[in-house]
Amino acid sequence: MNMQKMLKEMQKMQSKMAKAQEELQSTSFEAEAGGGAVKITIDGTGKVTAINLDQDVVDPEDVEALEDLLMAAFNAVVDKKDDATQESMGSLTKGMNIPGLM
């Protein structure tokens, strides 16, 4: 493969990656814990955009349980975002071993 053709292919891939990143950043991810008692939504950058709590889960006598549910929901939603990012970017870089890319 000549160098000019390889550079064009890299530019195409860079453009596709930028588009995929933009799409991911505008995507919302939601996860829940406690059978839906706690729901957390984040955007594609990882910022929390919403937390919904079922009234029954708010017990002043058992704050630790609520903390555990929040942590579980947050970890689950971050995993969803990370999986979507890996899937999106992984399809673009599949078979390539470029240092610094995913």
C-alpha atoms as a PDB file:
ATOM      1  CA  MET A   1       0.000   0.000   0.000  1.00  0.00           C
ATOM      2  CA  ASN A   2       1.466   3.357  -0.915  1.00  0.00           C
ATOM      3  CA  MET A   3       1.842   6.121   1.653  1.00  0.00           C
ATOM      4  CA  GLN A   4      -0.684   8.490   0.047  1.00  0.00           C
ATOM      5  CA  LYS A   5      -3.400   5.825  -0.005  1.00  0.00           C
ATOM      6  CA  MET A   6      -2.635   4.902   3.592  1.00  0.00           C
ATOM      7  CA  LEU A   7      -2.915   8.556   4.666  1.00  0.00           C
ATOM      8  CA  LYS A   8      -6.305   8.869   2.944  1.00  0.00           C
ATOM      9  CA  GLU A   9      -7.517   5.733   4.726  1.00  0.00           C
ATOM     10  CA  MET A  10      -6.322   7.127   8.064  1.00  0.00           C
ATOM     11  CA  GLN A  11      -8.155  10.408   7.397  1.00  0.00           C
ATOM     12  CA  LYS A  12     -11.360   8.497   6.622  1.00  0.00           C
ATOM     13  CA  MET A  13     -10.985   6.507   9.830  1.00  0.00           C
ATOM     14  CA  GLN A  14     -10.295   9.676  11.815  1.00  0.00           C
ATOM     15  CA  SER A  15     -13.456  11.249  10.414  1.00  0.00           C
ATOM     16  CA  LYS A  16     -15.515   8.147  11.270  1.00  0.00           C
ATOM     17  CA  MET A  17     -14.085   8.107  14.799  1.00  0.00           C
ATOM     18  CA  ALA A  18     -14.923  11.776  15.328  1.00  0.00           C
ATOM     19  CA  LYS A  19     -18.494  11.129  14.172  1.00  0.00           C
ATOM     20  CA  ALA A  20     -18.797   8.076  16.444  1.00  0.00           C
ATOM     21  CA  GLN A  21     -17.491  10.070  19.427  1.00  0.00           C
ATOM     22  CA  GLU A  22     -19.973  12.850  18.717  1.00  0.00           C
ATOM     23  CA  GLU A  23     -22.833  10.361  18.546  1.00  0.00           C
ATOM     24  CA  LEU A  24     -21.743   8.721  21.799  1.00  0.00           C
ATOM     25  CA  GLN A  25     -21.538  12.061  23.588  1.00  0.00           C
ATOM     26  CA  SER A  26     -25.125  12.858  22.636  1.00  0.00           C
ATOM     27  CA  THR A  27     -26.378   9.466  23.824  1.00  0.00           C
ATOM     28  CA  SER A  28     -28.018   8.919  27.205  1.00  0.00           C
ATOM     29  CA  PHE A  29     -27.391   5.778  29.225  1.00  0.00           C
ATOM     30  CA  GLU A  30     -29.639   4.561  32.055  1.00  0.00           C
ATOM     31  CA  ALA A  31     -29.233   1.807  34.596  1.00  0.00           C
ATOM     32  CA  GLU A  32     -31.124   0.787  37.683  1.00  0.00           C
ATOM     33  CA  ALA A  33     -30.623  -1.092  40.911  1.00  0.00           C
ATOM     34  CA  GLY A  34     -32.935  -2.573  43.494  1.00  0.00           C
ATOM     35  CA  GLY A  35     -35.475  -3.682  40.919  1.00  0.00           C
ATOM     36  CA  GLY A  36     -35.847  -0.149  39.590  1.00  0.00           C
ATOM     37  CA  ALA A  37     -35.896   1.576  42.977  1.00  0.00           C
ATOM     38  CA  VAL A  38     -32.832   3.590  41.953  1.00  0.00           C
ATOM     39  CA  LYS A  39     -32.267   4.810  38.380  1.00  0.00           C
ATOM     40  CA  ILE A  40     -29.304   6.823  37.187  1.00  0.00           C
ATOM     41  CA  THR A  41     -28.925   8.438  33.781  1.00  0.00           C
ATOM     42  CA  ILE A  42     -25.656   9.748  32.377  1.00  0.00           C
ATOM     43  CA  ASP A  43     -24.707  11.356  29.104  1.00  0.00           C
ATOM     44  CA  GLY A  44     -21.991  10.156  26.771  1.00  0.00           C
ATOM     45  CA  THR A  45     -19.350  12.177  28.582  1.00  0.00           C
ATOM     46  CA  GLY A  46     -20.130  10.376  31.845  1.00  0.00           C
ATOM     47  CA  LYS A  47     -21.905  13.260  33.569  1.00  0.00           C
ATOM     48  CA  VAL A  48     -24.924  12.357  35.663  1.00  0.00           C
ATOM     49  CA  THR A  49     -28.045  13.909  34.147  1.00  0.00           C
ATOM     50  CA  ALA A  50     -30.706  12.327  36.366  1.00  0.00           C
ATOM     51  CA  ILE A  51     -31.172  10.302  39.524  1.00  0.00           C
ATOM     52  CA  ASN A  52     -34.589   8.853  40.268  1.00  0.00           C
ATOM     53  CA  LEU A  53     -35.392   7.269  43.616  1.00  0.00           C
ATOM     54  CA  ASP A  54     -38.472   5.299  44.521  1.00  0.00           C
ATOM     55  CA  GLN A  55     -39.917   6.761  47.750  1.00  0.00           C
ATOM     56  CA  ASP A  56     -39.804   3.369  49.421  1.00  0.00           C
ATOM     57  CA  VAL A  57     -36.025   3.203  49.120  1.00  0.00           C
ATOM     58  CA  VAL A  58     -35.502   6.407  51.113  1.00  0.00           C
ATOM     59  CA  ASP A  59     -35.323   5.181  54.696  1.00  0.00           C
ATOM     60  CA  PRO A  60     -33.546   7.492  57.156  1.00  0.00           C
ATOM     61  CA  GLU A  61     -32.885   4.455  59.325  1.00  0.00           C
ATOM     62  CA  ASP A  62     -31.026   2.640  56.520  1.00  0.00           C
ATOM     63  CA  VAL A  63     -28.932   5.155  54.595  1.00  0.00           C
ATOM     64  CA  GLU A  64     -26.318   2.504  53.891  1.00  0.00           C
ATOM     65  CA  ALA A  65     -28.752   0.485  51.760  1.00  0.00           C
ATOM     66  CA  LEU A  66     -29.544   3.561  49.662  1.00  0.00           C
ATOM     67  CA  GLU A  67     -25.823   4.275  49.253  1.00  0.00           C
ATOM     68  CA  ASP A  68     -25.270   0.700  48.054  1.00  0.00           C
ATOM     69  CA  LEU A  69     -28.109   0.983  45.537  1.00  0.00           C
ATOM     70  CA  LEU A  70     -26.803   4.303  44.223  1.00  0.00           C
ATOM     71  CA  MET A  71     -23.321   2.873  43.836  1.00  0.00           C
ATOM     72  CA  ALA A  72     -24.630  -0.227  42.030  1.00  0.00           C
ATOM     73  CA  ALA A  73     -26.753   1.842  39.645  1.00  0.00           C
ATOM     74  CA  PHE A  74     -23.932   4.271  38.933  1.00  0.00           C
ATOM     75  CA  ASN A  75     -21.428   1.484  38.251  1.00  0.00           C
ATOM     76  CA  ALA A  76     -23.927  -0.272  35.969  1.00  0.00           C
ATOM     77  CA  VAL A  77     -24.617   2.849  33.917  1.00  0.00           C
ATOM     78  CA  VAL A  78     -20.906   3.626  33.543  1.00  0.00           C
ATOM     79  CA  ASP A  79     -20.365   0.041  32.357  1.00  0.00           C
ATOM     80  CA  LYS A  80     -23.123   0.519  29.756  1.00  0.00           C
ATOM     81  CA  LYS A  81     -21.466   3.693  28.464  1.00  0.00           C
ATOM     82  CA  ASP A  82     -18.040   2.053  28.390  1.00  0.00           C
ATOM     83  CA  ASP A  83     -19.414  -0.976  26.529  1.00  0.00           C
ATOM     84  CA  ALA A  84     -21.101   1.255  23.940  1.00  0.00           C
ATOM     85  CA  THR A  85     -17.883   3.240  23.506  1.00  0.00           C
ATOM     86  CA  GLN A  86     -15.816   0.086  23.115  1.00  0.00           C
ATOM     87  CA  GLU A  87     -18.278  -1.354  20.608  1.00  0.00           C
ATOM     88  CA  SER A  88     -18.438   1.839  18.575  1.00  0.00           C
ATOM     89  CA  MET A  89     -14.716   2.557  18.524  1.00  0.00           C
ATOM     90  CA  GLY A  90     -13.693  -1.080  18.400  1.00  0.00           C
ATOM     91  CA  SER A  91     -15.512  -1.586  15.115  1.00  0.00           C
ATOM     92  CA  LEU A  92     -13.472   1.244  13.602  1.00  0.00           C
ATOM     93  CA  THR A  93     -10.091   0.066  14.859  1.00  0.00           C
ATOM     94  CA  LYS A  94     -10.689  -3.676  14.498  1.00  0.00           C
ATOM     95  CA  GLY A  95      -7.554  -5.454  13.378  1.00  0.00           C
ATOM     96  CA  MET A  96      -5.378  -2.404  13.842  1.00  0.00           C
ATOM     97  CA  ASN A  97      -2.729  -2.193  16.513  1.00  0.00           C
ATOM     98  CA  ILE A  98      -2.239   1.534  16.887  1.00  0.00           C
ATOM     99  CA  PRO A  99      -0.739   2.661  20.193  1.00  0.00           C
ATOM    100  CA  GLY A 100      -2.952   5.149  22.022  1.00  0.00           C
ATOM    101  CA  LEU A 101      -6.176   4.027  20.351  1.00  0.00           C
ATOM    102  CA  MET A 102      -8.508   2.131  22.681  1.00  0.00           C
END
